[in-house]
All heavy atoms as atom14 arrays in JSON, in Angstrom:
{
  "sequence": "QPAPPANLLRQAYVALSVADHDYKGHRVEAMKQIEAAAKLLRIDIR",
  "atom14_mask": [
    [1, 1, 1, 1, 1, 1, 1, 1, 1, 0, 0, 0, 0, 0],
    [1, 1, 1, 1, 1, 1, 1, 0, 0, 0, 0, 0, 0, 0],
    [1, 1, 1, 1, 1, 0, 0, 0, 0, 0, 0, 0, 0, 0],
    [1, 1, 1, 1, 1, 1, 1, 0, 0, 0, 0, 0, 0, 0],
    [1, 1, 1, 1, 1, 1, 1, 0, 0, 0, 0, 0, 0, 0],
    [1, 1, 1, 1, 1, 0, 0, 0, 0, 0, 0, 0, 0, 0],
    [1, 1, 1, 1, 1, 1, 1, 1, 0, 0, 0, 0, 0, 0],
    [1, 1, 1, 1, 1, 1, 1, 1, 0, 0, 0, 0, 0, 0],
    [1, 1, 1, 1, 1, 1, 1, 1, 0, 0, 0, 0, 0, 0],
    [1, 1, 1, 1, 1, 1, 1, 1, 1, 1, 1, 0, 0, 0],
    [1, 1, 1, 1, 1, 1, 1, 1, 1, 0, 0, 0, 0, 0],
    [1, 1, 1, 1, 1, 0, 0, 0, 0, 0, 0, 0, 0, 0],
    [1, 1, 1, 1, 1, 1, 1, 1, 1, 1, 1, 1, 0, 0],
    [1, 1, 1, 1, 1, 1, 1, 0, 0, 0, 0, 0, 0, 0],
    [1, 1, 1, 1, 1, 0, 0, 0, 0, 0, 0, 0, 0, 0],
    [1, 1, 1, 1, 1, 1, 1, 1, 0, 0, 0, 0, 0, 0],
    [1, 1, 1, 1, 1, 1, 0, 0, 0, 0, 0, 0, 0, 0],
    [1, 1, 1, 1, 1, 1, 1, 0, 0, 0, 0, 0, 0, 0],
    [1, 1, 1, 1, 1, 0, 0, 0, 0, 0, 0, 0, 0, 0],
    [1, 1, 1, 1, 1, 1, 1, 1, 0, 0, 0, 0, 0, 0],
    [1, 1, 1, 1, 1, 1, 1, 1, 1, 1, 0, 0, 0, 0],
    [1, 1, 1, 1, 1, 1, 1, 1, 0, 0, 0, 0, 0, 0],
    [1, 1, 1, 1, 1, 1, 1, 1, 1, 1, 1, 1, 0, 0],
    [1, 1, 1, 1, 1, 1, 1, 1, 1, 0, 0, 0, 0, 0],
    [1, 1, 1, 1, 0, 0, 0, 0, 0, 0, 0, 0, 0, 0],
    [1, 1, 1, 1, 1, 1, 1, 1, 1, 1, 0, 0, 0, 0],
    [1, 1, 1, 1, 1, 1, 1, 1, 1, 1, 1, 0, 0, 0],
    [1, 1, 1, 1, 1, 1, 1, 0, 0, 0, 0, 0, 0, 0],
    [1, 1, 1, 1, 1, 1, 1, 1, 1, 0, 0, 0, 0, 0],
    [1, 1, 1, 1, 1, 0, 0, 0, 0, 0, 0, 0, 0, 0],
    [1, 1, 1, 1, 1, 1, 1, 1, 0, 0, 0, 0, 0, 0],
    [1, 1, 1, 1, 1, 1, 1, 1, 1, 0, 0, 0, 0, 0],
    [1, 1, 1, 1, 1, 1, 1, 1, 1, 0, 0, 0, 0, 0],
    [1, 1, 1, 1, 1, 1, 1, 1, 0, 0, 0, 0, 0, 0],
    [1, 1, 1, 1, 1, 1, 1, 1, 1, 0, 0, 0, 0, 0],
    [1, 1, 1, 1, 1, 0, 0, 0, 0, 0, 0, 0, 0, 0],
    [1, 1, 1, 1, 1, 0, 0, 0, 0, 0, 0, 0, 0, 0],
    [1, 1, 1, 1, 1, 0, 0, 0, 0, 0, 0, 0, 0, 0],
    [1, 1, 1, 1, 1, 1, 1, 1, 1, 0, 0, 0, 0, 0],
    [1, 1, 1, 1, 1, 1, 1, 1, 0, 0, 0, 0, 0, 0],
    [1, 1, 1, 1, 1, 1, 1, 1, 0, 0, 0, 0, 0, 0],
    [1, 1, 1, 1, 1, 1, 1, 1, 1, 1, 1, 0, 0, 0],
    [1, 1, 1, 1, 1, 1, 1, 1, 0, 0, 0, 0, 0, 0],
    [1, 1, 1, 1, 1, 1, 1, 1, 0, 0, 0, 0, 0, 0],
    [1, 1, 1, 1, 1, 1, 1, 1, 0, 0, 0, 0, 0, 0],
    [1, 1, 1, 1, 1, 1, 1, 1, 1, 1, 1, 0, 0, 0]
  ],
  "atom14_positions": [
    [[-19.33, -13.53, -0.39], [-18.15, -13.43, 0.45], [-17.18, -12.46, -0.22], [-17.2, -12.31, -1.42], [-17.49, -14.78, 0.63], [-17.02, -15.43, -0.66], [-16.47, -16.8, -0.43], [-16.35, -17.25, 0.69], [-16.14, -17.5, -1.5], [0.0, 0.0, 0.0], [0.0, 0.0, 0.0], [0.0, 0.0, 0.0], [0.0, 0.0, 0.0], [0.0, 0.0, 0.0]],
    [[-16.35, -11.81, 0.56], [-15.4, -10.88, -0.06], [-14.43, -11.6, -0.98], [-13.99, -12.71, -0.68], [-14.65, -10.29, 1.14], [-15.52, -10.56, 2.33], [-16.29, -11.8, 2.02], [0.0, 0.0, 0.0], [0.0, 0.0, 0.0], [0.0, 0.0, 0.0], [0.0, 0.0, 0.0], [0.0, 0.0, 0.0], [0.0, 0.0, 0.0], [0.0, 0.0, 0.0]],
    [[-14.16, -10.97, -2.12], [-13.19, -11.55, -3.06], [-11.79, -11.43, -2.47], [-11.48, -10.46, -1.8], [-13.26, -10.83, -4.4], [0.0, 0.0, 0.0], [0.0, 0.0, 0.0], [0.0, 0.0, 0.0], [0.0, 0.0, 0.0], [0.0, 0.0, 0.0], [0.0, 0.0, 0.0], [0.0, 0.0, 0.0], [0.0, 0.0, 0.0], [0.0, 0.0, 0.0]],
    [[-10.94, -12.42, -2.7], [-9.56, -12.35, -2.2], [-8.84, -11.14, -2.8], [-9.03, -10.82, -3.97], [-8.93, -13.65, -2.68], [-10.06, -14.55, -3.03], [-11.2, -13.66, -3.42], [0.0, 0.0, 0.0], [0.0, 0.0, 0.0], [0.0, 0.0, 0.0], [0.0, 0.0, 0.0], [0.0, 0.0, 0.0], [0.0, 0.0, 0.0], [0.0, 0.0, 0.0]],
    [[-8.0, -10.47, -2.01], [-7.27, -9.32, -2.52], [-6.47, -9.62, -3.79], [-6.38, -8.78, -4.67], [-6.34, -8.94, -1.37], [-7.03, -9.43, -0.15], [-7.74, -10.68, -0.58], [0.0, 0.0, 0.0], [0.0, 0.0, 0.0], [0.0, 0.0, 0.0], [0.0, 0.0, 0.0], [0.0, 0.0, 0.0], [0.0, 0.0, 0.0], [0.0, 0.0, 0.0]],
    [[-5.91, -10.81, -3.9], [-5.13, -11.16, -5.09], [-5.99, -11.07, -6.35], [-5.56, -10.52, -7.37], [-4.55, -12.56, -4.96], [0.0, 0.0, 0.0], [0.0, 0.0, 0.0], [0.0, 0.0, 0.0], [0.0, 0.0, 0.0], [0.0, 0.0, 0.0], [0.0, 0.0, 0.0], [0.0, 0.0, 0.0], [0.0, 0.0, 0.0], [0.0, 0.0, 0.0]],
    [[-7.22, -11.57, -6.31], [-8.12, -11.49, -7.46], [-8.47, -10.05, -7.78], [-8.52, -9.65, -8.94], [-9.39, -12.29, -7.21], [-9.16, -13.78, -7.19], [-8.08, -14.26, -7.54], [-10.15, -14.53, -6.76], [0.0, 0.0, 0.0], [0.0, 0.0, 0.0], [0.0, 0.0, 0.0], [0.0, 0.0, 0.0], [0.0, 0.0, 0.0], [0.0, 0.0, 0.0]],
    [[-8.73, -9.26, -6.75], [-9.09, -7.86, -6.97], [-7.93, -7.07, -7.55], [-8.13, -6.24, -8.45], [-9.57, -7.24, -5.65], [-10.89, -7.81, -5.12], [-11.11, -7.39, -3.67], [-12.04, -7.37, -6.0], [0.0, 0.0, 0.0], [0.0, 0.0, 0.0], [0.0, 0.0, 0.0], [0.0, 0.0, 0.0], [0.0, 0.0, 0.0], [0.0, 0.0, 0.0]],
    [[-6.72, -7.33, -7.08], [-5.55, -6.65, -7.64], [-5.37, -7.01, -9.11], [-5.11, -6.16, -9.95], [-4.28, -7.02, -6.86], [-4.16, -6.48, -5.44], [-2.87, -6.99, -4.8], [-4.2, -4.97, -5.41], [0.0, 0.0, 0.0], [0.0, 0.0, 0.0], [0.0, 0.0, 0.0], [0.0, 0.0, 0.0], [0.0, 0.0, 0.0], [0.0, 0.0, 0.0]],
    [[-5.52, -8.29, -9.43], [-5.38, -8.76, -10.81], [-6.43, -8.1, -11.7], [-6.13, -7.6, -12.79], [-5.51, -10.28, -10.87], [-5.23, -10.88, -12.22], [-5.27, -12.41, -12.2], [-4.21, -12.96, -11.36], [-4.4, -13.56, -10.17], [-5.62, -13.7, -9.7], [-3.39, -14.03, -9.48], [0.0, 0.0, 0.0], [0.0, 0.0, 0.0], [0.0, 0.0, 0.0]],
    [[-7.67, -8.06, -11.25], [-8.75, -7.47, -12.05], [-8.56, -5.96, -12.21], [-8.82, -5.41, -13.28], [-10.1, -7.79, -11.41], [-10.45, -9.26, -11.51], [-11.68, -9.62, -10.69], [-12.38, -8.75, -10.2], [-11.94, -10.9, -10.56], [0.0, 0.0, 0.0], [0.0, 0.0, 0.0], [0.0, 0.0, 0.0], [0.0, 0.0, 0.0], [0.0, 0.0, 0.0]],
    [[-8.13, -5.29, -11.15], [-7.87, -3.85, -11.23], [-6.75, -3.58, -12.22], [-6.84, -2.65, -13.04], [-7.52, -3.29, -9.85], [0.0, 0.0, 0.0], [0.0, 0.0, 0.0], [0.0, 0.0, 0.0], [0.0, 0.0, 0.0], [0.0, 0.0, 0.0], [0.0, 0.0, 0.0], [0.0, 0.0, 0.0], [0.0, 0.0, 0.0], [0.0, 0.0, 0.0]],
    [[-5.7, -4.38, -12.19], [-4.57, -4.21, -13.1], [-5.03, -4.4, -14.55], [-4.66, -3.62, -15.44], [-3.46, -5.2, -12.76], [-2.2, -4.97, -13.55], [-1.25, -4.07, -13.11], [-1.97, -5.65, -14.73], [-0.09, -3.84, -13.83], [-0.82, -5.44, -15.46], [0.12, -4.54, -15.0], [1.26, -4.32, -15.74], [0.0, 0.0, 0.0], [0.0, 0.0, 0.0]],
    [[-5.83, -5.41, -14.8], [-6.33, -5.66, -16.15], [-7.19, -4.5, -16.62], [-7.06, -4.04, -17.76], [-7.11, -7.0, -16.22], [-7.86, -7.14, -17.53], [-6.16, -8.17, -16.04], [0.0, 0.0, 0.0], [0.0, 0.0, 0.0], [0.0, 0.0, 0.0], [0.0, 0.0, 0.0], [0.0, 0.0, 0.0], [0.0, 0.0, 0.0], [0.0, 0.0, 0.0]],
    [[-8.06, -4.0, -15.74], [-8.91, -2.86, -16.12], [-8.07, -1.65, -16.49], [-8.35, -0.96, -17.47], [-9.87, -2.52, -14.97], [0.0, 0.0, 0.0], [0.0, 0.0, 0.0], [0.0, 0.0, 0.0], [0.0, 0.0, 0.0], [0.0, 0.0, 0.0], [0.0, 0.0, 0.0], [0.0, 0.0, 0.0], [0.0, 0.0, 0.0], [0.0, 0.0, 0.0]],
    [[-7.02, -1.39, -15.74], [-6.13, -0.27, -16.06], [-5.34, -0.53, -17.33], [-5.09, 0.39, -18.12], [-5.17, 0.0, -14.9], [-5.79, 0.58, -13.64], [-4.75, 0.63, -12.52], [-6.36, 1.96, -13.9], [0.0, 0.0, 0.0], [0.0, 0.0, 0.0], [0.0, 0.0, 0.0], [0.0, 0.0, 0.0], [0.0, 0.0, 0.0], [0.0, 0.0, 0.0]],
    [[-4.94, -1.77, -17.56], [-4.09, -2.07, -18.72], [-4.83, -1.92, -20.04], [-4.2, -1.6, -21.05], [-3.49, -3.48, -18.61], [-4.47, -4.46, -18.82], [0.0, 0.0, 0.0], [0.0, 0.0, 0.0], [0.0, 0.0, 0.0], [0.0, 0.0, 0.0], [0.0, 0.0, 0.0], [0.0, 0.0, 0.0], [0.0, 0.0, 0.0], [0.0, 0.0, 0.0]],
    [[-6.13, -2.12, -20.06], [-6.87, -1.98, -21.32], [-7.38, -0.56, -21.53], [-7.84, -0.23, -22.61], [-8.04, -2.99, -21.44], [-7.51, -4.41, -21.44], [-9.08, -2.77, -20.41], [0.0, 0.0, 0.0], [0.0, 0.0, 0.0], [0.0, 0.0, 0.0], [0.0, 0.0, 0.0], [0.0, 0.0, 0.0], [0.0, 0.0, 0.0], [0.0, 0.0, 0.0]],
    [[-7.29, 0.29, -20.52], [-7.67, 1.69, -20.7], [-6.73, 2.32, -21.72], [-5.53, 2.09, -21.69], [-7.63, 2.43, -19.37], [0.0, 0.0, 0.0], [0.0, 0.0, 0.0], [0.0, 0.0, 0.0], [0.0, 0.0, 0.0], [0.0, 0.0, 0.0], [0.0, 0.0, 0.0], [0.0, 0.0, 0.0], [0.0, 0.0, 0.0], [0.0, 0.0, 0.0]],
    [[-7.28, 3.13, -22.6], [-6.51, 3.62, -23.74], [-5.72, 4.89, -23.45], [-4.68, 5.11, -24.03], [-7.45, 3.88, -24.91], [-6.71, 4.17, -26.2], [-5.63, 3.6, -26.4], [-7.2, 4.97, -27.0], [0.0, 0.0, 0.0], [0.0, 0.0, 0.0], [0.0, 0.0, 0.0], [0.0, 0.0, 0.0], [0.0, 0.0, 0.0], [0.0, 0.0, 0.0]],
    [[-6.18, 5.72, -22.58], [-5.55, 7.02, -22.38], [-4.48, 6.96, -21.29], [-4.56, 6.17, -20.36], [-6.62, 8.06, -22.07], [-7.57, 8.2, -23.22], [-7.29, 8.99, -24.3], [-8.76, 7.62, -23.48], [-8.29, 8.89, -25.17], [-9.19, 8.06, -24.69], [0.0, 0.0, 0.0], [0.0, 0.0, 0.0], [0.0, 0.0, 0.0], [0.0, 0.0, 0.0]],
    [[-3.48, 7.84, -21.41], [-2.33, 7.81, -20.52], [-2.54, 8.55, -19.22], [-1.96, 8.22, -18.21], [-1.11, 8.39, -21.24], [0.14, 8.29, -20.4], [0.33, 7.26, -19.73], [0.93, 9.24, -20.41], [0.0, 0.0, 0.0], [0.0, 0.0, 0.0], [0.0, 0.0, 0.0], [0.0, 0.0, 0.0], [0.0, 0.0, 0.0], [0.0, 0.0, 0.0]],
    [[-3.35, 9.6, -19.2], [-3.59, 10.39, -17.99], [-2.29, 10.95, -17.41], [-2.06, 10.9, -16.22], [-4.33, 9.56, -16.94], [-5.66, 9.03, -17.41], [-5.76, 7.76, -17.97], [-6.81, 9.8, -17.31], [-6.99, 7.27, -18.42], [-8.03, 9.31, -17.76], [-8.11, 8.05, -18.31], [-9.32, 7.57, -18.74], [0.0, 0.0, 0.0], [0.0, 0.0, 0.0]],
    [[-1.44, 11.45, -18.31], [-0.16, 12.06, -17.95], [0.7, 11.16, -17.07], [1.39, 11.61, -16.17], [-0.38, 13.42, -17.29], [-1.01, 14.44, -18.2], [-1.11, 15.8, -17.55], [-1.77, 16.78, -18.51], [-1.97, 18.09, -17.9], [0.0, 0.0, 0.0], [0.0, 0.0, 0.0], [0.0, 0.0, 0.0], [0.0, 0.0, 0.0], [0.0, 0.0, 0.0]],
    [[0.64, 9.87, -17.31], [1.48, 8.91, -16.6], [0.89, 8.36, -15.31], [1.44, 7.42, -14.74], [0.0, 0.0, 0.0], [0.0, 0.0, 0.0], [0.0, 0.0, 0.0], [0.0, 0.0, 0.0], [0.0, 0.0, 0.0], [0.0, 0.0, 0.0], [0.0, 0.0, 0.0], [0.0, 0.0, 0.0], [0.0, 0.0, 0.0], [0.0, 0.0, 0.0]],
    [[-0.23, 8.89, -14.85], [-0.79, 8.44, -13.57], [-1.42, 7.05, -13.66], [-1.36, 6.28, -12.7], [-1.8, 9.46, -13.04], [-1.16, 10.77, -12.71], [-0.39, 10.95, -11.58], [-1.14, 11.95, -13.38], [0.06, 12.19, -11.56], [-0.38, 12.82, -12.64], [0.0, 0.0, 0.0], [0.0, 0.0, 0.0], [0.0, 0.0, 0.0], [0.0, 0.0, 0.0]],
    [[-1.99, 6.69, -14.82], [-2.53, 5.34, -15.0], [-1.39, 4.33, -14.92], [-1.49, 3.33, -14.21], [-3.25, 5.23, -16.35], [-3.8, 3.82, -16.64], [-4.37, 3.74, -18.05], [-3.34, 3.93, -19.06], [-2.6, 2.95, -19.55], [-2.75, 1.72, -19.13], [-1.67, 3.2, -20.46], [0.0, 0.0, 0.0], [0.0, 0.0, 0.0], [0.0, 0.0, 0.0]],
    [[-0.3, 4.62, -15.59], [0.86, 3.73, -15.58], [1.46, 3.65, -14.17], [1.84, 2.57, -13.71], [1.91, 4.18, -16.62], [3.18, 3.37, -16.5], [1.33, 4.08, -18.03], [0.0, 0.0, 0.0], [0.0, 0.0, 0.0], [0.0, 0.0, 0.0], [0.0, 0.0, 0.0], [0.0, 0.0, 0.0], [0.0, 0.0, 0.0], [0.0, 0.0, 0.0]],
    [[1.53, 4.77, -13.49], [2.07, 4.77, -12.11], [1.17, 3.94, -11.19], [1.68, 3.2, -10.34], [2.21, 6.19, -11.58], [2.86, 6.26, -10.22], [4.25, 5.63, -10.14], [5.01, 5.7, -11.12], [4.58, 5.06, -9.08], [0.0, 0.0, 0.0], [0.0, 0.0, 0.0], [0.0, 0.0, 0.0], [0.0, 0.0, 0.0], [0.0, 0.0, 0.0]],
    [[-0.14, 4.03, -11.37], [-1.05, 3.19, -10.58], [-0.79, 1.72, -10.86], [-0.76, 0.89, -9.94], [-2.51, 3.55, -10.89], [0.0, 0.0, 0.0], [0.0, 0.0, 0.0], [0.0, 0.0, 0.0], [0.0, 0.0, 0.0], [0.0, 0.0, 0.0], [0.0, 0.0, 0.0], [0.0, 0.0, 0.0], [0.0, 0.0, 0.0], [0.0, 0.0, 0.0]],
    [[-0.56, 1.38, -12.14], [-0.25, -0.01, -12.49], [1.04, -0.48, -11.84], [1.12, -1.61, -11.35], [-0.18, -0.15, -14.02], [-1.52, 0.01, -14.71], [-1.4, 0.07, -16.52], [-0.82, -1.58, -16.87], [0.0, 0.0, 0.0], [0.0, 0.0, 0.0], [0.0, 0.0, 0.0], [0.0, 0.0, 0.0], [0.0, 0.0, 0.0], [0.0, 0.0, 0.0]],
    [[2.04, 0.4, -11.79], [3.3, 0.04, -11.15], [3.11, -0.22, -9.66], [3.73, -1.13, -9.09], [4.34, 1.14, -11.37], [4.86, 1.22, -12.79], [5.84, 2.35, -12.95], [6.31, 2.49, -14.38], [7.21, 3.64, -14.56], [0.0, 0.0, 0.0], [0.0, 0.0, 0.0], [0.0, 0.0, 0.0], [0.0, 0.0, 0.0], [0.0, 0.0, 0.0]],
    [[2.27, 0.58, -9.02], [2.01, 0.38, -7.58], [1.28, -0.95, -7.35], [1.58, -1.66, -6.39], [1.2, 1.55, -7.02], [1.95, 2.86, -7.0], [3.19, 2.8, -6.13], [3.23, 2.14, -5.09], [4.24, 3.52, -6.55], [0.0, 0.0, 0.0], [0.0, 0.0, 0.0], [0.0, 0.0, 0.0], [0.0, 0.0, 0.0], [0.0, 0.0, 0.0]],
    [[0.35, -1.29, -8.23], [-0.34, -2.58, -8.11], [0.65, -3.71, -8.33], [0.63, -4.72, -7.61], [-1.52, -2.66, -9.1], [-2.58, -1.62, -8.74], [-2.13, -4.07, -9.09], [-3.66, -1.46, -9.8], [0.0, 0.0, 0.0], [0.0, 0.0, 0.0], [0.0, 0.0, 0.0], [0.0, 0.0, 0.0], [0.0, 0.0, 0.0], [0.0, 0.0, 0.0]],
    [[1.55, -3.56, -9.31], [2.58, -4.58, -9.54], [3.45, -4.76, -8.3], [3.79, -5.89, -7.95], [3.47, -4.18, -10.72], [2.84, -4.32, -12.08], [3.74, -3.81, -13.2], [4.89, -3.42, -12.94], [3.27, -3.79, -14.34], [0.0, 0.0, 0.0], [0.0, 0.0, 0.0], [0.0, 0.0, 0.0], [0.0, 0.0, 0.0], [0.0, 0.0, 0.0]],
    [[3.82, -3.65, -7.66], [4.66, -3.74, -6.46], [3.94, -4.47, -5.34], [4.53, -5.31, -4.65], [5.08, -2.34, -6.01], [0.0, 0.0, 0.0], [0.0, 0.0, 0.0], [0.0, 0.0, 0.0], [0.0, 0.0, 0.0], [0.0, 0.0, 0.0], [0.0, 0.0, 0.0], [0.0, 0.0, 0.0], [0.0, 0.0, 0.0], [0.0, 0.0, 0.0]],
    [[2.66, -4.16, -5.15], [1.88, -4.85, -4.12], [1.77, -6.34, -4.45], [1.94, -7.2, -3.57], [0.48, -4.23, -4.0], [0.0, 0.0, 0.0], [0.0, 0.0, 0.0], [0.0, 0.0, 0.0], [0.0, 0.0, 0.0], [0.0, 0.0, 0.0], [0.0, 0.0, 0.0], [0.0, 0.0, 0.0], [0.0, 0.0, 0.0], [0.0, 0.0, 0.0]],
    [[1.51, -6.66, -5.71], [1.38, -8.05, -6.13], [2.69, -8.81, -5.95], [2.69, -9.97, -5.53], [0.92, -8.12, -7.58], [0.0, 0.0, 0.0], [0.0, 0.0, 0.0], [0.0, 0.0, 0.0], [0.0, 0.0, 0.0], [0.0, 0.0, 0.0], [0.0, 0.0, 0.0], [0.0, 0.0, 0.0], [0.0, 0.0, 0.0], [0.0, 0.0, 0.0]],
    [[3.8, -8.15, -6.24], [5.1, -8.8, -6.08], [5.34, -9.16, -4.61], [5.82, -10.26, -4.31], [6.21, -7.87, -6.58], [7.58, -8.48, -6.53], [8.63, -7.56, -7.12], [10.01, -8.19, -7.04], [11.04, -7.32, -7.58], [0.0, 0.0, 0.0], [0.0, 0.0, 0.0], [0.0, 0.0, 0.0], [0.0, 0.0, 0.0], [0.0, 0.0, 0.0]],
    [[4.97, -8.25, -3.72], [5.12, -8.54, -2.28], [4.23, -9.7, -1.85], [4.57, -10.45, -0.94], [4.81, -7.29, -1.46], [5.82, -6.15, -1.58], [5.27, -4.89, -0.94], [7.14, -6.55, -0.93], [0.0, 0.0, 0.0], [0.0, 0.0, 0.0], [0.0, 0.0, 0.0], [0.0, 0.0, 0.0], [0.0, 0.0, 0.0], [0.0, 0.0, 0.0]],
    [[3.08, -9.83, -2.5], [2.15, -10.92, -2.2], [2.43, -12.18, -3.0], [1.74, -13.18, -2.87], [0.71, -10.46, -2.45], [0.24, -9.29, -1.58], [-1.09, -8.75, -2.1], [0.12, -9.72, -0.13], [0.0, 0.0, 0.0], [0.0, 0.0, 0.0], [0.0, 0.0, 0.0], [0.0, 0.0, 0.0], [0.0, 0.0, 0.0], [0.0, 0.0, 0.0]],
    [[3.44, -12.11, -3.89], [3.86, -13.22, -4.75], [2.73, -13.71, -5.67], [2.46, -14.91, -5.76], [4.41, -14.37, -3.92], [5.67, -13.98, -3.18], [6.31, -15.15, -2.5], [7.58, -14.71, -1.93], [7.97, -14.99, -0.72], [7.22, -15.73, 0.06], [9.12, -14.55, -0.28], [0.0, 0.0, 0.0], [0.0, 0.0, 0.0], [0.0, 0.0, 0.0]],
    [[2.1, -12.74, -6.33], [1.08, -13.09, -7.33], [1.43, -12.43, -8.65], [2.05, -11.38, -8.7], [-0.35, -12.68, -6.89], [-0.42, -11.18, -6.58], [-0.8, -13.48, -5.7], [-1.82, -10.68, -6.31], [0.0, 0.0, 0.0], [0.0, 0.0, 0.0], [0.0, 0.0, 0.0], [0.0, 0.0, 0.0], [0.0, 0.0, 0.0], [0.0, 0.0, 0.0]],
    [[1.03, -13.09, -9.76], [1.29, -12.57, -11.1], [0.02, -11.89, -11.59], [-1.05, -12.49, -11.59], [1.67, -13.71, -12.04], [1.97, -13.22, -13.44], [2.38, -12.05, -13.6], [1.79, -14.02, -14.38], [0.0, 0.0, 0.0], [0.0, 0.0, 0.0], [0.0, 0.0, 0.0], [0.0, 0.0, 0.0], [0.0, 0.0, 0.0], [0.0, 0.0, 0.0]],
    [[0.13, -10.63, -12.02], [-1.06, -9.87, -12.42], [-0.97, -9.3, -13.82], [-1.9, -8.64, -14.27], [-1.32, -8.72, -11.43], [-0.05, -7.91, -11.24], [-1.82, -9.21, -10.12], [-0.3, -6.47, -11.14], [0.0, 0.0, 0.0], [0.0, 0.0, 0.0], [0.0, 0.0, 0.0], [0.0, 0.0, 0.0], [0.0, 0.0, 0.0], [0.0, 0.0, 0.0]],
    [[0.12, -9.51, -14.52], [0.3, -8.85, -15.82], [-0.75, -9.27, -16.82], [-1.12, -10.42, -16.92], [1.69, -9.15, -16.36], [2.72, -8.48, -15.49], [3.95, -8.21, -16.26], [4.54, -7.03, -15.65], [5.02, -6.04, -16.33], [5.0, -6.06, -17.62], [5.55, -5.01, -15.72], [0.0, 0.0, 0.0], [0.0, 0.0, 0.0], [0.0, 0.0, 0.0]]
  ]
}
């Protein structure tokens, strides 16, 4: 069955957070966008 979006957002955030390279700020910006989506959905992903 499809995984709930909340779980996928959390897992994507974790995968990005452990990546070591900065990618000129784009990795961090992607994390901020995931945080914003999670906040709207009222889930904790840090």
